[in-house]
Amino acid sequence: MTERLLIKALSGGKNTKIITLNGKKMTKMPSALGKLPGLKTLVLQNNLIPKVCPELRTLTQFQDLKLREFYCEGNPLFLKQPVISTQRENVWSLQEITSRFVMNQLAENNPFLMDGIERYPQVRSMISQGKTCAICGQHFITVWLECVRFVSPPKDWKISKNLQLVPLRVLICSYKCFTQRDPNLFGIAQV
């Protein structure tokens, strides 16, 4: 039944605006969602989906939100058991240390590095993958821990009245920053 609904939705292509697959006992999100650029409403309530598929991220870029309504209540998207983290010594590679230094100096508009970076496209390519720590604001390449913060959804979203918070992905650069986080920031761990 679920397959037939998906095939019908896919045949509509970019004209497909709504997909309703609630209560179908699905264990994963359909990867075909990425092939529906016009999708506005996705209803996946009361299934057995443990994680969000990467294809959904392309439909929900916060800068250019295409998906306007997403209903996911009743799915085990998050474990509700906290896991105690143990401190691990941060041992970064020389490449990570150098990348962090260069990116942070470029953020301060260091003219020597800004001039030098023009001559090395492979370095430009590498530091273009950089991220900013949500705690200390410093730049880094290797993510130490992926976290989630639950925030109130924007007022213009059409969502279920039961959904009061939505998860927002947050990246941090070190254990030191993790210990300085606010109490509403949770680390995501593979168990």
N, C-alpha and C. Protein backbone atom coordinates (compact mmCIF):
# COMPACT_ATOMS: atom_id res chain seq x y z
N MET A 1 0.82 -1.20 0.00
CA MET A 1 0.00 0.00 0.00
C MET A 1 0.86 1.26 0.00
N THR A 2 1.88 1.27 0.88
CA THR A 2 2.76 2.42 0.96
C THR A 2 3.50 2.64 -0.35
N GLU A 3 3.98 1.53 -0.95
CA GLU A 3 4.70 1.64 -2.22
C GLU A 3 3.83 2.25 -3.31
N ARG A 4 2.55 1.83 -3.36
CA ARG A 4 1.65 2.38 -4.38
C ARG A 4 1.45 3.88 -4.19
N LEU A 5 1.33 4.30 -2.93
CA LEU A 5 1.16 5.74 -2.66
C LEU A 5 2.40 6.52 -3.10
N LEU A 6 3.59 5.96 -2.84
CA LEU A 6 4.83 6.64 -3.24
C LEU A 6 4.97 6.70 -4.75
N ILE A 7 4.64 5.59 -5.43
CA ILE A 7 4.73 5.58 -6.90
C ILE A 7 3.78 6.62 -7.49
N LYS A 8 2.60 6.72 -6.92
CA LYS A 8 1.63 7.73 -7.40
C LYS A 8 2.18 9.14 -7.17
N ALA A 9 2.79 9.37 -6.00
CA ALA A 9 3.36 10.69 -5.70
C ALA A 9 4.50 11.01 -6.64
N LEU A 10 5.37 10.02 -6.90
CA LEU A 10 6.50 10.24 -7.80
C LEU A 10 6.06 10.52 -9.23
N SER A 11 4.97 9.91 -9.64
CA SER A 11 4.50 10.16 -11.01
C SER A 11 4.04 11.60 -11.17
N GLY A 12 3.67 12.24 -10.07
CA GLY A 12 3.29 13.65 -10.12
C GLY A 12 4.49 14.58 -10.20
N GLY A 13 5.70 14.05 -9.87
CA GLY A 13 6.94 14.83 -9.95
C GLY A 13 6.87 16.12 -9.16
N LYS A 14 7.30 17.22 -9.81
CA LYS A 14 7.36 18.50 -9.10
C LYS A 14 5.98 19.07 -8.79
N ASN A 15 4.93 18.47 -9.35
CA ASN A 15 3.57 18.93 -9.06
C ASN A 15 3.00 18.33 -7.79
N THR A 16 3.67 17.31 -7.23
CA THR A 16 3.21 16.69 -5.99
C THR A 16 3.43 17.68 -4.85
N LYS A 17 2.36 18.05 -4.16
CA LYS A 17 2.43 19.04 -3.09
C LYS A 17 2.26 18.42 -1.71
N ILE A 18 1.50 17.31 -1.61
CA ILE A 18 1.18 16.71 -0.32
C ILE A 18 1.40 15.21 -0.37
N ILE A 19 2.08 14.65 0.66
CA ILE A 19 2.18 13.21 0.82
C ILE A 19 1.73 12.89 2.24
N THR A 20 0.78 11.97 2.35
CA THR A 20 0.27 11.54 3.65
C THR A 20 0.52 10.05 3.79
N LEU A 21 1.41 9.68 4.71
CA LEU A 21 1.75 8.28 4.96
C LEU A 21 1.71 8.01 6.47
N ASN A 22 0.67 8.48 7.13
CA ASN A 22 0.62 8.29 8.57
C ASN A 22 0.07 6.91 8.91
N GLY A 23 0.66 6.29 9.96
CA GLY A 23 0.22 5.00 10.45
C GLY A 23 0.48 3.84 9.50
N LYS A 24 1.52 3.90 8.68
CA LYS A 24 1.82 2.84 7.70
C LYS A 24 2.89 1.87 8.20
N LYS A 25 3.33 2.00 9.45
CA LYS A 25 4.35 1.15 10.05
C LYS A 25 5.67 1.20 9.28
N MET A 26 5.97 2.36 8.71
CA MET A 26 7.22 2.55 7.97
C MET A 26 8.38 2.61 8.95
N THR A 27 9.52 2.02 8.59
CA THR A 27 10.70 2.05 9.46
C THR A 27 11.75 3.03 8.99
N LYS A 28 11.57 3.63 7.81
CA LYS A 28 12.47 4.67 7.35
C LYS A 28 11.72 5.61 6.42
N MET A 29 12.24 6.81 6.32
CA MET A 29 11.64 7.78 5.41
C MET A 29 11.97 7.38 3.98
N PRO A 30 11.05 7.57 3.07
CA PRO A 30 11.33 7.21 1.68
C PRO A 30 12.42 8.11 1.09
N SER A 31 13.45 7.49 0.50
CA SER A 31 14.53 8.28 -0.10
C SER A 31 14.04 9.04 -1.33
N ALA A 32 12.91 8.65 -1.88
CA ALA A 32 12.35 9.31 -3.06
C ALA A 32 11.87 10.73 -2.77
N LEU A 33 11.84 11.13 -1.50
CA LEU A 33 11.39 12.48 -1.15
C LEU A 33 12.24 13.55 -1.83
N GLY A 34 13.52 13.25 -2.03
CA GLY A 34 14.42 14.20 -2.68
C GLY A 34 14.05 14.47 -4.13
N LYS A 35 13.22 13.61 -4.72
CA LYS A 35 12.81 13.77 -6.12
C LYS A 35 11.51 14.54 -6.25
N LEU A 36 11.06 15.14 -5.15
CA LEU A 36 9.80 15.88 -5.16
C LEU A 36 10.06 17.33 -4.73
N PRO A 37 10.66 18.15 -5.59
CA PRO A 37 11.03 19.51 -5.20
C PRO A 37 9.85 20.42 -4.88
N GLY A 38 8.67 20.08 -5.34
CA GLY A 38 7.50 20.92 -5.09
C GLY A 38 6.73 20.54 -3.84
N LEU A 39 7.23 19.53 -3.08
CA LEU A 39 6.52 19.03 -1.90
C LEU A 39 6.38 20.13 -0.86
N LYS A 40 5.14 20.37 -0.41
CA LYS A 40 4.87 21.41 0.59
C LYS A 40 4.46 20.80 1.93
N THR A 41 3.77 19.64 1.91
CA THR A 41 3.27 19.04 3.14
C THR A 41 3.66 17.56 3.17
N LEU A 42 4.28 17.14 4.27
CA LEU A 42 4.68 15.75 4.44
C LEU A 42 4.12 15.27 5.78
N VAL A 43 3.30 14.22 5.73
CA VAL A 43 2.68 13.68 6.94
C VAL A 43 3.19 12.26 7.14
N LEU A 44 4.00 12.07 8.17
CA LEU A 44 4.57 10.77 8.49
C LEU A 44 4.29 10.39 9.94
N GLN A 45 3.16 10.81 10.47
CA GLN A 45 2.83 10.56 11.86
C GLN A 45 2.62 9.08 12.14
N ASN A 46 2.90 8.68 13.38
CA ASN A 46 2.60 7.34 13.90
C ASN A 46 3.19 6.22 13.06
N ASN A 47 4.47 6.33 12.74
CA ASN A 47 5.21 5.28 12.07
C ASN A 47 6.32 4.80 13.00
N LEU A 48 7.28 4.09 12.48
CA LEU A 48 8.40 3.55 13.28
C LEU A 48 9.72 4.11 12.78
N ILE A 49 9.73 5.37 12.37
CA ILE A 49 10.90 5.98 11.75
C ILE A 49 11.86 6.49 12.83
N PRO A 50 13.11 5.92 12.90
CA PRO A 50 14.03 6.33 13.95
C PRO A 50 14.92 7.52 13.62
N LYS A 51 15.04 7.89 12.31
CA LYS A 51 15.90 9.02 11.97
C LYS A 51 15.40 9.71 10.69
N VAL A 52 15.82 10.96 10.55
CA VAL A 52 15.44 11.76 9.38
C VAL A 52 16.39 11.42 8.24
N CYS A 53 15.84 11.21 7.04
CA CYS A 53 16.68 10.87 5.90
C CYS A 53 17.36 12.12 5.33
N PRO A 54 18.53 11.97 4.70
CA PRO A 54 19.26 13.12 4.14
C PRO A 54 18.46 13.85 3.07
N GLU A 55 17.60 13.13 2.34
CA GLU A 55 16.82 13.76 1.28
C GLU A 55 15.87 14.81 1.83
N LEU A 56 15.40 14.63 3.08
CA LEU A 56 14.49 15.60 3.68
C LEU A 56 15.21 16.92 3.93
N ARG A 57 16.51 16.86 4.21
CA ARG A 57 17.28 18.08 4.47
C ARG A 57 17.27 19.00 3.26
N THR A 58 17.28 18.43 2.04
CA THR A 58 17.27 19.27 0.84
C THR A 58 15.94 20.00 0.70
N LEU A 59 14.88 19.43 1.27
CA LEU A 59 13.56 20.07 1.19
C LEU A 59 13.35 21.08 2.31
N THR A 60 14.21 21.06 3.33
CA THR A 60 13.98 21.91 4.50
C THR A 60 15.14 22.83 4.81
N GLN A 61 15.79 23.35 3.80
CA GLN A 61 16.85 24.33 4.05
C GLN A 61 16.20 25.55 4.69
N PHE A 62 16.69 25.96 5.86
CA PHE A 62 16.04 27.04 6.59
C PHE A 62 16.05 28.36 5.83
N GLN A 63 17.06 28.57 4.98
CA GLN A 63 17.12 29.83 4.24
C GLN A 63 16.06 29.86 3.14
N ASP A 64 15.76 28.71 2.54
CA ASP A 64 14.84 28.64 1.41
C ASP A 64 13.87 27.50 1.67
N LEU A 65 13.03 27.66 2.67
CA LEU A 65 12.15 26.58 3.10
C LEU A 65 11.11 26.27 2.04
N LYS A 66 11.16 25.05 1.52
CA LYS A 66 10.20 24.61 0.53
C LYS A 66 9.09 23.82 1.21
N LEU A 67 9.48 22.91 2.11
CA LEU A 67 8.51 22.11 2.85
C LEU A 67 7.89 23.00 3.92
N ARG A 68 6.60 23.23 3.84
CA ARG A 68 5.94 24.15 4.77
C ARG A 68 5.33 23.43 5.97
N GLU A 69 4.89 22.18 5.79
CA GLU A 69 4.28 21.43 6.88
C GLU A 69 4.92 20.05 6.96
N PHE A 70 5.37 19.68 8.15
CA PHE A 70 5.98 18.38 8.37
C PHE A 70 5.45 17.83 9.68
N TYR A 71 4.72 16.73 9.60
CA TYR A 71 4.12 16.11 10.77
C TYR A 71 4.83 14.79 11.04
N CYS A 72 5.51 14.69 12.19
CA CYS A 72 6.31 13.50 12.48
C CYS A 72 6.06 12.95 13.88
N GLU A 73 5.01 13.40 14.53
CA GLU A 73 4.72 12.93 15.88
C GLU A 73 4.46 11.43 15.88
N GLY A 74 4.81 10.77 16.97
CA GLY A 74 4.55 9.34 17.09
C GLY A 74 5.62 8.48 16.45
N ASN A 75 6.79 9.03 16.15
CA ASN A 75 7.92 8.27 15.61
C ASN A 75 9.05 8.31 16.64
N PRO A 76 9.83 7.23 16.74
CA PRO A 76 10.94 7.23 17.71
C PRO A 76 12.18 7.94 17.15
N LEU A 77 12.04 9.23 16.84
CA LEU A 77 13.14 9.97 16.23
C LEU A 77 14.27 10.23 17.21
N PHE A 78 14.00 10.26 18.48
CA PHE A 78 15.03 10.54 19.46
C PHE A 78 14.93 9.55 20.61
N LEU A 79 16.08 9.05 21.06
CA LEU A 79 16.09 8.26 22.27
C LEU A 79 15.80 9.17 23.44
N LYS A 80 15.04 8.70 24.38
CA LYS A 80 14.68 9.54 25.51
C LYS A 80 15.51 9.22 26.74
N GLN A 81 16.59 8.43 26.55
CA GLN A 81 17.45 8.09 27.67
C GLN A 81 18.74 8.87 27.57
N PRO A 82 19.04 9.71 28.56
CA PRO A 82 20.32 10.43 28.54
C PRO A 82 21.48 9.46 28.72
N VAL A 83 22.58 9.77 28.08
CA VAL A 83 23.80 8.98 28.20
C VAL A 83 24.86 9.89 28.81
N ILE A 84 25.53 9.40 29.82
CA ILE A 84 26.58 10.17 30.48
C ILE A 84 27.82 10.14 29.58
N SER A 85 28.36 11.31 29.31
CA SER A 85 29.57 11.36 28.48
C SER A 85 30.80 11.34 29.38
N THR A 86 31.84 10.73 28.88
CA THR A 86 33.10 10.73 29.61
C THR A 86 34.07 11.60 28.83
N GLN A 87 34.91 12.29 29.56
CA GLN A 87 35.85 13.20 28.92
C GLN A 87 36.93 12.41 28.19
N ARG A 88 37.11 12.77 26.93
CA ARG A 88 38.20 12.21 26.14
C ARG A 88 39.14 13.35 25.80
N GLU A 89 40.40 13.05 25.85
CA GLU A 89 41.40 14.05 25.52
C GLU A 89 41.28 14.42 24.04
N ASN A 90 41.27 15.71 23.77
CA ASN A 90 41.23 16.17 22.39
C ASN A 90 42.63 16.07 21.79
N VAL A 91 42.81 15.15 20.86
CA VAL A 91 44.08 15.02 20.16
C VAL A 91 43.78 15.28 18.69
N TRP A 92 44.11 16.46 18.25
CA TRP A 92 43.82 16.85 16.87
C TRP A 92 45.03 16.59 15.99
N SER A 93 44.73 16.35 14.73
CA SER A 93 45.82 16.17 13.76
C SER A 93 46.46 17.54 13.50
N LEU A 94 47.66 17.51 12.95
CA LEU A 94 48.34 18.75 12.60
C LEU A 94 47.50 19.54 11.59
N GLN A 95 46.85 18.82 10.68
CA GLN A 95 45.99 19.48 9.69
C GLN A 95 44.83 20.20 10.36
N GLU A 96 44.22 19.58 11.39
CA GLU A 96 43.11 20.21 12.10
C GLU A 96 43.59 21.45 12.87
N ILE A 97 44.73 21.33 13.54
CA ILE A 97 45.28 22.46 14.29
C ILE A 97 45.58 23.63 13.36
N THR A 98 46.22 23.33 12.23
CA THR A 98 46.56 24.37 11.27
C THR A 98 45.31 24.99 10.66
N SER A 99 44.35 24.15 10.31
CA SER A 99 43.10 24.66 9.72
C SER A 99 42.38 25.58 10.68
N ARG A 100 42.30 25.18 11.94
CA ARG A 100 41.64 26.02 12.94
C ARG A 100 42.34 27.38 13.05
N PHE A 101 43.67 27.34 13.12
CA PHE A 101 44.42 28.58 13.23
C PHE A 101 44.17 29.49 12.02
N VAL A 102 44.29 28.91 10.82
CA VAL A 102 44.12 29.69 9.59
C VAL A 102 42.71 30.28 9.51
N MET A 103 41.69 29.46 9.77
CA MET A 103 40.30 29.95 9.68
C MET A 103 40.03 31.06 10.69
N ASN A 104 40.54 30.92 11.90
CA ASN A 104 40.32 31.95 12.91
C ASN A 104 41.08 33.24 12.58
N GLN A 105 42.27 33.10 11.99
CA GLN A 105 43.02 34.29 11.56
C GLN A 105 42.33 34.98 10.39
N LEU A 106 41.79 34.18 9.46
CA LEU A 106 41.05 34.77 8.32
C LEU A 106 39.81 35.50 8.80
N ALA A 107 39.18 34.99 9.85
CA ALA A 107 38.00 35.67 10.41
C ALA A 107 38.37 37.03 10.98
N GLU A 108 39.63 37.17 11.39
CA GLU A 108 40.11 38.46 11.91
C GLU A 108 40.74 39.31 10.81
N ASN A 109 40.57 38.87 9.56
CA ASN A 109 41.08 39.59 8.39
C ASN A 109 42.60 39.79 8.42
N ASN A 110 43.32 38.75 8.79
CA ASN A 110 44.78 38.78 8.79
C ASN A 110 45.25 38.96 7.34
N PRO A 111 45.87 40.11 7.00
CA PRO A 111 46.21 40.38 5.60
C PRO A 111 47.26 39.41 5.04
N PHE A 112 48.20 38.97 5.87
CA PHE A 112 49.23 38.03 5.42
C PHE A 112 48.59 36.71 4.95
N LEU A 113 47.68 36.17 5.78
CA LEU A 113 47.03 34.91 5.42
C LEU A 113 46.03 35.10 4.28
N MET A 114 45.34 36.23 4.26
CA MET A 114 44.37 36.47 3.19
C MET A 114 45.08 36.52 1.84
N ASP A 115 46.26 37.11 1.81
CA ASP A 115 47.04 37.16 0.57
C ASP A 115 47.57 35.77 0.22
N GLY A 116 48.07 35.05 1.21
CA GLY A 116 48.65 33.73 0.97
C GLY A 116 47.62 32.69 0.55
N ILE A 117 46.42 32.79 1.06
CA ILE A 117 45.39 31.80 0.75
C ILE A 117 44.97 31.84 -0.72
N GLU A 118 45.16 32.97 -1.35
CA GLU A 118 44.84 33.10 -2.78
C GLU A 118 45.71 32.19 -3.63
N ARG A 119 46.92 31.88 -3.16
CA ARG A 119 47.87 31.09 -3.95
C ARG A 119 47.70 29.58 -3.78
N TYR A 120 46.87 29.15 -2.84
CA TYR A 120 46.74 27.73 -2.54
C TYR A 120 45.27 27.28 -2.60
N PRO A 121 44.80 26.89 -3.79
CA PRO A 121 43.39 26.51 -3.93
C PRO A 121 43.01 25.27 -3.10
N GLN A 122 43.96 24.35 -2.88
CA GLN A 122 43.62 23.17 -2.09
C GLN A 122 43.37 23.55 -0.63
N VAL A 123 44.08 24.56 -0.12
CA VAL A 123 43.85 25.03 1.24
C VAL A 123 42.49 25.73 1.30
N ARG A 124 42.20 26.56 0.29
CA ARG A 124 40.89 27.23 0.23
C ARG A 124 39.77 26.20 0.23
N SER A 125 39.95 25.14 -0.54
CA SER A 125 38.94 24.09 -0.62
C SER A 125 38.73 23.43 0.74
N MET A 126 39.83 23.14 1.43
CA MET A 126 39.74 22.48 2.72
C MET A 126 39.06 23.36 3.76
N ILE A 127 39.44 24.62 3.84
CA ILE A 127 38.85 25.46 4.88
C ILE A 127 37.43 25.92 4.52
N SER A 128 37.04 25.72 3.26
CA SER A 128 35.65 26.03 2.91
C SER A 128 34.70 25.03 3.57
N GLN A 129 35.23 23.89 4.05
CA GLN A 129 34.43 22.89 4.75
C GLN A 129 34.30 23.23 6.24
N GLY A 130 34.87 24.34 6.65
CA GLY A 130 34.90 24.71 8.06
C GLY A 130 33.53 25.00 8.63
N LYS A 131 33.43 24.82 9.93
CA LYS A 131 32.20 25.07 10.68
C LYS A 131 32.54 26.00 11.84
N THR A 132 31.52 26.55 12.45
CA THR A 132 31.71 27.44 13.59
C THR A 132 31.10 26.80 14.83
N CYS A 133 31.85 26.75 15.91
CA CYS A 133 31.37 26.17 17.15
C CYS A 133 30.25 27.04 17.73
N ALA A 134 29.16 26.42 18.11
CA ALA A 134 28.03 27.15 18.65
C ALA A 134 28.29 27.69 20.05
N ILE A 135 29.31 27.19 20.71
CA ILE A 135 29.61 27.62 22.09
C ILE A 135 30.66 28.74 22.10
N CYS A 136 31.84 28.47 21.51
CA CYS A 136 32.95 29.43 21.61
C CYS A 136 33.06 30.34 20.39
N GLY A 137 32.40 29.99 19.30
CA GLY A 137 32.45 30.82 18.10
C GLY A 137 33.70 30.64 17.26
N GLN A 138 34.60 29.72 17.65
CA GLN A 138 35.82 29.47 16.90
C GLN A 138 35.52 28.54 15.72
N HIS A 139 36.38 28.58 14.72
CA HIS A 139 36.20 27.77 13.53
C HIS A 139 36.93 26.43 13.67
N PHE A 140 36.40 25.39 13.03
CA PHE A 140 37.01 24.06 13.07
C PHE A 140 36.59 23.27 11.85
N ILE A 141 37.30 22.17 11.58
CA ILE A 141 36.99 21.28 10.46
C ILE A 141 36.31 20.02 10.98
N THR A 142 36.95 19.35 11.93
CA THR A 142 36.46 18.08 12.45
C THR A 142 35.46 18.32 13.57
N VAL A 143 34.25 17.79 13.41
CA VAL A 143 33.20 17.95 14.41
C VAL A 143 33.52 17.05 15.59
N TRP A 144 33.61 17.62 16.79
CA TRP A 144 33.85 16.81 17.97
C TRP A 144 32.57 16.12 18.39
N LEU A 145 31.45 16.85 18.37
CA LEU A 145 30.18 16.27 18.77
C LEU A 145 29.04 17.01 18.07
N GLU A 146 28.11 16.25 17.57
CA GLU A 146 26.89 16.81 16.99
C GLU A 146 25.86 16.87 18.11
N CYS A 147 25.22 18.00 18.25
CA CYS A 147 24.24 18.20 19.31
C CYS A 147 22.90 18.63 18.72
N VAL A 148 21.92 18.71 19.57
CA VAL A 148 20.61 19.19 19.16
C VAL A 148 20.09 20.14 20.25
N ARG A 149 19.47 21.20 19.80
CA ARG A 149 18.82 22.16 20.69
C ARG A 149 17.36 22.21 20.24
N PHE A 150 16.45 22.15 21.18
CA PHE A 150 15.04 22.22 20.84
C PHE A 150 14.56 23.66 20.97
N VAL A 151 14.00 24.16 19.88
CA VAL A 151 13.55 25.56 19.83
C VAL A 151 12.10 25.62 19.41
N SER A 152 11.45 26.70 19.73
CA SER A 152 10.08 26.91 19.29
C SER A 152 10.07 27.15 17.78
N PRO A 153 9.14 26.54 17.07
CA PRO A 153 9.10 26.75 15.62
C PRO A 153 8.66 28.17 15.27
N PRO A 154 9.11 28.68 14.13
CA PRO A 154 8.67 30.02 13.72
C PRO A 154 7.15 30.09 13.60
N LYS A 155 6.62 31.25 13.82
CA LYS A 155 5.16 31.45 13.82
C LYS A 155 4.53 31.15 12.47
N ASP A 156 5.28 31.32 11.35
CA ASP A 156 4.69 31.12 10.03
C ASP A 156 4.65 29.67 9.59
N TRP A 157 5.17 28.73 10.40
CA TRP A 157 5.10 27.32 10.07
C TRP A 157 3.71 26.79 10.37
N LYS A 158 3.21 25.95 9.50
CA LYS A 158 1.94 25.27 9.74
C LYS A 158 2.29 23.90 10.28
N ILE A 159 2.12 23.73 11.59
CA ILE A 159 2.48 22.48 12.24
C ILE A 159 1.37 22.06 13.18
N SER A 160 1.46 20.83 13.63
CA SER A 160 0.49 20.30 14.58
C SER A 160 0.54 21.14 15.87
N LYS A 161 -0.60 21.30 16.49
CA LYS A 161 -0.66 22.05 17.76
C LYS A 161 0.11 21.32 18.86
N ASN A 162 0.29 19.99 18.71
CA ASN A 162 1.02 19.21 19.71
C ASN A 162 2.52 19.43 19.65
N LEU A 163 3.01 19.89 18.50
CA LEU A 163 4.45 20.09 18.33
C LEU A 163 4.84 21.47 18.82
N GLN A 164 5.47 21.52 20.00
CA GLN A 164 5.83 22.80 20.59
C GLN A 164 7.29 23.15 20.38
N LEU A 165 8.14 22.14 20.12
CA LEU A 165 9.57 22.36 19.91
C LEU A 165 10.03 21.56 18.70
N VAL A 166 10.99 22.11 17.97
CA VAL A 166 11.60 21.40 16.85
C VAL A 166 13.10 21.30 17.10
N PRO A 167 13.74 20.21 16.63
CA PRO A 167 15.18 20.07 16.87
C PRO A 167 15.99 20.92 15.89
N LEU A 168 17.03 21.54 16.40
CA LEU A 168 17.94 22.33 15.59
C LEU A 168 19.34 21.75 15.77
N ARG A 169 19.99 21.41 14.66
CA ARG A 169 21.32 20.80 14.70
C ARG A 169 22.35 21.85 15.13
N VAL A 170 23.22 21.45 16.06
CA VAL A 170 24.27 22.32 16.59
C VAL A 170 25.57 21.52 16.61
N LEU A 171 26.66 22.13 16.15
CA LEU A 171 27.96 21.47 16.15
C LEU A 171 28.89 22.17 17.14
N ILE A 172 29.66 21.36 17.87
CA ILE A 172 30.63 21.95 18.79
C ILE A 172 32.01 21.35 18.52
N CYS A 173 33.03 22.08 18.93
CA CYS A 173 34.41 21.74 18.52
C CYS A 173 35.20 20.94 19.54
N SER A 174 34.77 20.87 20.80
CA SER A 174 35.61 20.19 21.79
C SER A 174 34.81 19.83 23.04
N TYR A 175 35.41 18.96 23.85
CA TYR A 175 34.78 18.60 25.12
C TYR A 175 34.68 19.82 26.03
N LYS A 176 35.67 20.67 25.98
CA LYS A 176 35.65 21.88 26.80
C LYS A 176 34.39 22.71 26.51
N CYS A 177 34.05 22.86 25.23
CA CYS A 177 32.84 23.60 24.87
C CYS A 177 31.59 22.83 25.29
N PHE A 178 31.63 21.50 25.18
CA PHE A 178 30.49 20.69 25.58
C PHE A 178 30.17 20.89 27.05
N THR A 179 31.20 21.00 27.90
CA THR A 179 30.97 21.19 29.33
C THR A 179 30.48 22.60 29.65
N GLN A 180 30.63 23.53 28.72
CA GLN A 180 30.18 24.91 28.94
C GLN A 180 28.83 25.20 28.29
N ARG A 181 28.18 24.18 27.75
CA ARG A 181 26.92 24.37 27.03
C ARG A 181 25.79 24.75 27.98
N ASP A 182 24.72 25.29 27.40
CA ASP A 182 23.54 25.58 28.21
C ASP A 182 22.75 24.28 28.41
N PRO A 183 21.88 24.23 29.40
CA PRO A 183 21.20 22.97 29.71
C PRO A 183 20.21 22.51 28.64
N ASN A 184 19.91 23.34 27.65
CA ASN A 184 18.98 22.96 26.59
C ASN A 184 19.68 22.41 25.35
N LEU A 185 20.99 22.12 25.47
CA LEU A 185 21.75 21.58 24.36
C LEU A 185 22.11 20.13 24.71
N PHE A 186 21.74 19.19 23.82
CA PHE A 186 21.92 17.78 24.10
C PHE A 186 22.84 17.16 23.06
N GLY A 187 23.82 16.37 23.52
CA GLY A 187 24.70 15.66 22.62
C GLY A 187 23.99 14.47 21.99
N ILE A 188 24.29 14.20 20.74
CA ILE A 188 23.71 13.05 20.04
C ILE A 188 24.78 11.98 19.98
N ALA A 189 24.46 10.79 20.46
CA ALA A 189 25.43 9.71 20.51
C ALA A 189 24.86 8.45 19.89
N GLN A 190 25.74 7.67 19.27
CA GLN A 190 25.36 6.34 18.79
C GLN A 190 25.41 5.41 19.99
N VAL A 191 24.34 4.70 20.25
CA VAL A 191 24.31 3.78 21.41
C VAL A 191 24.28 2.37 20.92
